[in-house]
Amino acid sequence: MIIKINTPVTVNLLFNHKTRTVNPTALLWEGKKYLITKIGLHHTYRNGRTLLHVFSVETPTLFFRLVLDTDSLHWRVEEISDGEPN
């Protein structure tokens, strides 16, 4: 089931200078740490002048849609899914 939320989240991020890639590796949400096992879609869009990075990530139990606000450098969770149909 997909649940739409909009809540702050802590994200660990890895920057590889050789490949020039940025990948979230783990997140802390509601007191629980989730290791990211797969990164799906990554895209950007603008809300006014603010550039937002969107990452669709997978953990062993849940899927998350994470958004990074490049003005504030704050992360938030927009969607969570357990993979089951609604």
C-alpha atoms as a PDB file:
ATOM      1  CA  MET A   1       0.000   0.000   0.000  1.00  0.00           C
ATOM      2  CA  ILE A   2       1.310   3.465  -0.895  1.00  0.00           C
ATOM      3  CA  ILE A   3       1.070   6.061   1.849  1.00  0.00           C
ATOM      4  CA  LYS A   4       1.660   9.712   0.989  1.00  0.00           C
ATOM      5  CA  ILE A   5       3.295  11.662   3.804  1.00  0.00           C
ATOM      6  CA  ASN A   6       5.485  14.731   4.118  1.00  0.00           C
ATOM      7  CA  THR A   7       7.788  14.349   7.089  1.00  0.00           C
ATOM      8  CA  PRO A   8      11.444  15.164   7.828  1.00  0.00           C
ATOM      9  CA  VAL A   9      13.913  12.293   7.717  1.00  0.00           C
ATOM     10  CA  THR A  10      17.622  11.754   8.357  1.00  0.00           C
ATOM     11  CA  VAL A  11      19.545  10.417   5.346  1.00  0.00           C
ATOM     12  CA  ASN A  12      23.126   9.157   5.015  1.00  0.00           C
ATOM     13  CA  LEU A  13      24.566  10.145   1.649  1.00  0.00           C
ATOM     14  CA  LEU A  14      27.667   8.887  -0.163  1.00  0.00           C
ATOM     15  CA  PHE A  15      29.466  10.984  -2.779  1.00  0.00           C
ATOM     16  CA  ASN A  16      31.907   9.125  -5.059  1.00  0.00           C
ATOM     17  CA  HIS A  17      34.406  11.608  -6.496  1.00  0.00           C
ATOM     18  CA  LYS A  18      35.625   9.167  -9.167  1.00  0.00           C
ATOM     19  CA  THR A  19      32.201   8.472 -10.692  1.00  0.00           C
ATOM     20  CA  ARG A  20      30.764  11.829  -9.528  1.00  0.00           C
ATOM     21  CA  THR A  21      27.653  10.105  -8.197  1.00  0.00           C
ATOM     22  CA  VAL A  22      25.620  10.820  -5.088  1.00  0.00           C
ATOM     23  CA  ASN A  23      23.696   7.966  -3.466  1.00  0.00           C
ATOM     24  CA  PRO A  24      21.685   7.734  -0.258  1.00  0.00           C
ATOM     25  CA  THR A  25      22.878   4.704   1.735  1.00  0.00           C
ATOM     26  CA  ALA A  26      20.600   4.671   4.805  1.00  0.00           C
ATOM     27  CA  LEU A  27      17.802   6.615   6.426  1.00  0.00           C
ATOM     28  CA  LEU A  28      16.509   7.126   9.943  1.00  0.00           C
ATOM     29  CA  TRP A  29      12.740   7.490  10.110  1.00  0.00           C
ATOM     30  CA  GLU A  30      10.592   7.402  13.247  1.00  0.00           C
ATOM     31  CA  GLY A  31      13.490   6.099  15.322  1.00  0.00           C
ATOM     32  CA  LYS A  32      14.298   3.153  13.034  1.00  0.00           C
ATOM     33  CA  LYS A  33      17.295   2.852  10.735  1.00  0.00           C
ATOM     34  CA  TYR A  34      16.712   1.475   7.225  1.00  0.00           C
ATOM     35  CA  LEU A  35      19.626   0.417   5.026  1.00  0.00           C
ATOM     36  CA  ILE A  36      19.046   1.272   1.386  1.00  0.00           C
ATOM     37  CA  THR A  37      19.597  -1.781  -0.792  1.00  0.00           C
ATOM     38  CA  LYS A  38      18.592  -0.345  -4.163  1.00  0.00           C
ATOM     39  CA  ILE A  39      18.195   3.075  -5.746  1.00  0.00           C
ATOM     40  CA  GLY A  40      15.570   3.302  -8.437  1.00  0.00           C
ATOM     41  CA  LEU A  41      14.649   6.526 -10.141  1.00  0.00           C
ATOM     42  CA  HIS A  42      16.529   9.745  -9.404  1.00  0.00           C
ATOM     43  CA  HIS A  43      15.301  12.990 -10.923  1.00  0.00           C
ATOM     44  CA  THR A  44      15.224  16.694 -10.226  1.00  0.00           C
ATOM     45  CA  TYR A  45      12.614  19.404 -10.540  1.00  0.00           C
ATOM     46  CA  ARG A  46      12.200  23.001  -9.504  1.00  0.00           C
ATOM     47  CA  ASN A  47       9.666  24.511  -7.140  1.00  0.00           C
ATOM     48  CA  GLY A  48      10.139  28.199  -7.933  1.00  0.00           C
ATOM     49  CA  ARG A  49      13.886  28.785  -7.642  1.00  0.00           C
ATOM     50  CA  THR A  50      14.464  25.770  -5.379  1.00  0.00           C
ATOM     51  CA  LEU A  51      16.008  22.665  -6.965  1.00  0.00           C
ATOM     52  CA  LEU A  52      14.689  19.404  -5.490  1.00  0.00           C
ATOM     53  CA  HIS A  53      16.302  15.976  -5.916  1.00  0.00           C
ATOM     54  CA  VAL A  54      13.942  12.986  -5.741  1.00  0.00           C
ATOM     55  CA  PHE A  55      15.228   9.480  -5.010  1.00  0.00           C
ATOM     56  CA  SER A  56      13.091   6.332  -5.111  1.00  0.00           C
ATOM     57  CA  VAL A  57      14.855   3.859  -2.840  1.00  0.00           C
ATOM     58  CA  GLU A  58      14.295   0.324  -1.597  1.00  0.00           C
ATOM     59  CA  THR A  59      15.059  -1.196   1.781  1.00  0.00           C
ATOM     60  CA  PRO A  60      14.562  -4.864   2.661  1.00  0.00           C
ATOM     61  CA  THR A  61      11.010  -4.132   3.870  1.00  0.00           C
ATOM     62  CA  LEU A  62       9.820  -0.803   2.403  1.00  0.00           C
ATOM     63  CA  PHE A  63      10.056   1.547  -0.563  1.00  0.00           C
ATOM     64  CA  PHE A  64      10.610   5.264   0.076  1.00  0.00           C
ATOM     65  CA  ARG A  65      10.391   8.392  -2.042  1.00  0.00           C
ATOM     66  CA  LEU A  66      12.950  10.808  -0.593  1.00  0.00           C
ATOM     67  CA  VAL A  67      13.264  14.487  -1.510  1.00  0.00           C
ATOM     68  CA  LEU A  68      16.299  16.709  -0.904  1.00  0.00           C
ATOM     69  CA  ASP A  69      15.704  20.481  -0.841  1.00  0.00           C
ATOM     70  CA  THR A  70      18.949  22.017  -2.145  1.00  0.00           C
ATOM     71  CA  ASP A  71      18.242  25.425  -0.571  1.00  0.00           C
ATOM     72  CA  SER A  72      17.926  24.146   2.996  1.00  0.00           C
ATOM     73  CA  LEU A  73      19.716  20.781   2.491  1.00  0.00           C
ATOM     74  CA  HIS A  74      16.839  19.157   4.397  1.00  0.00           C
ATOM     75  CA  TRP A  75      15.410  15.747   3.498  1.00  0.00           C
ATOM     76  CA  ARG A  76      11.801  14.605   3.704  1.00  0.00           C
ATOM     77  CA  VAL A  77       9.857  11.434   2.968  1.00  0.00           C
ATOM     78  CA  GLU A  78       7.005  11.939   0.485  1.00  0.00           C
ATOM     79  CA  GLU A  79       5.813   8.343   0.040  1.00  0.00           C
ATOM     80  CA  ILE A  80       6.212   4.970   1.678  1.00  0.00           C
ATOM     81  CA  SER A  81       5.125   1.644   0.242  1.00  0.00           C
ATOM     82  CA  ASP A  82       5.241  -1.914   1.502  1.00  0.00           C
ATOM     83  CA  GLY A  83       4.859  -3.281  -2.045  1.00  0.00           C
ATOM     84  CA  GLU A  84       1.311  -4.562  -1.487  1.00  0.00           C
ATOM     85  CA  PRO A  85      -1.555  -3.327  -3.694  1.00  0.00           C
ATOM     86  CA  ASN A  86      -3.781  -0.579  -2.290  1.00  0.00           C
END
